[in-house]
């Protein structure tokens, strides 16, 4: 199973993108920096909005 990157998924569905980030965030023990790096996000606020 492949997981689409956040930025790509957000273009399709912002709701699904947020759901993905929440799941990854929980899997990373609620570590924002690790979650951002996992999804190659440069700004933490991108997925917190």
C-alpha atoms as a PDB file:
ATOM      1  CA  UNK A   1       0.000   0.000   0.000  1.00  0.00           C
ATOM      2  CA  UNK A   2       1.395   3.395  -0.921  1.00  0.00           C
ATOM      3  CA  UNK A   3       0.504   6.570   0.902  1.00  0.00           C
ATOM      4  CA  UNK A   4       0.126   9.726  -1.135  1.00  0.00           C
ATOM      5  CA  UNK A   5       2.147  12.689   0.091  1.00  0.00           C
ATOM      6  CA  UNK A   6       0.117  15.258   2.003  1.00  0.00           C
ATOM      7  CA  UNK A   7       0.536  18.001  -0.605  1.00  0.00           C
ATOM      8  CA  UNK A   8      -0.670  15.729  -3.398  1.00  0.00           C
ATOM      9  CA  UNK A   9      -3.596  14.416  -1.377  1.00  0.00           C
ATOM     10  CA  UNK A  10      -4.638  17.926  -0.342  1.00  0.00           C
ATOM     11  CA  UNK A  11      -5.145  18.845  -4.002  1.00  0.00           C
ATOM     12  CA  UNK A  12      -7.674  16.008  -4.234  1.00  0.00           C
ATOM     13  CA  UNK A  13      -9.363  16.298  -0.829  1.00  0.00           C
ATOM     14  CA  UNK A  14      -8.355  18.566   2.036  1.00  0.00           C
ATOM     15  CA  UNK A  15     -10.492  16.487   4.411  1.00  0.00           C
ATOM     16  CA  UNK A  16      -8.658  13.268   3.506  1.00  0.00           C
ATOM     17  CA  UNK A  17      -5.325  15.064   3.785  1.00  0.00           C
ATOM     18  CA  UNK A  18      -6.132  16.192   7.337  1.00  0.00           C
ATOM     19  CA  UNK A  19      -7.266  12.668   8.220  1.00  0.00           C
ATOM     20  CA  UNK A  20      -3.968  11.265   6.922  1.00  0.00           C
ATOM     21  CA  UNK A  21      -1.937  13.782   8.929  1.00  0.00           C
ATOM     22  CA  UNK A  22      -3.894  13.041  12.101  1.00  0.00           C
ATOM     23  CA  UNK A  23      -3.160   9.321  11.724  1.00  0.00           C
ATOM     24  CA  UNK A  24       0.544   9.912  11.060  1.00  0.00           C
ATOM     25  CA  UNK A  25       0.674  12.427  13.926  1.00  0.00           C
ATOM     26  CA  UNK A  26      -0.743   9.835  16.341  1.00  0.00           C
ATOM     27  CA  UNK A  27       1.614   7.137  14.985  1.00  0.00           C
ATOM     28  CA  UNK A  28       4.518   9.520  15.683  1.00  0.00           C
ATOM     29  CA  UNK A  29       3.465   9.927  19.313  1.00  0.00           C
ATOM     30  CA  UNK A  30       2.025  13.374  18.561  1.00  0.00           C
ATOM     31  CA  UNK A  31       5.436  14.678  17.474  1.00  0.00           C
ATOM     32  CA  UNK A  32       4.825  17.590  15.084  1.00  0.00           C
ATOM     33  CA  UNK A  33       8.396  17.810  13.782  1.00  0.00           C
ATOM     34  CA  UNK A  34       8.611  14.111  12.988  1.00  0.00           C
ATOM     35  CA  UNK A  35       5.223  14.199  11.268  1.00  0.00           C
ATOM     36  CA  UNK A  36       6.248  17.184   9.164  1.00  0.00           C
ATOM     37  CA  UNK A  37       9.503  15.482   8.139  1.00  0.00           C
ATOM     38  CA  UNK A  38       7.680  12.250   7.306  1.00  0.00           C
ATOM     39  CA  UNK A  39       5.441  14.095   4.868  1.00  0.00           C
ATOM     40  CA  UNK A  40       8.199  16.434   3.655  1.00  0.00           C
ATOM     41  CA  UNK A  41       6.364  19.504   4.940  1.00  0.00           C
ATOM     42  CA  UNK A  42       8.467  22.576   5.503  1.00  0.00           C
ATOM     43  CA  UNK A  43       6.000  24.416   7.692  1.00  0.00           C
ATOM     44  CA  UNK A  44       4.305  22.700  10.610  1.00  0.00           C
ATOM     45  CA  UNK A  45       1.241  24.896  10.284  1.00  0.00           C
ATOM     46  CA  UNK A  46       0.460  23.424   6.843  1.00  0.00           C
ATOM     47  CA  UNK A  47      -1.265  20.432   8.343  1.00  0.00           C
ATOM     48  CA  UNK A  48      -2.513  22.001  11.551  1.00  0.00           C
ATOM     49  CA  UNK A  49      -4.972  24.268   9.771  1.00  0.00           C
END
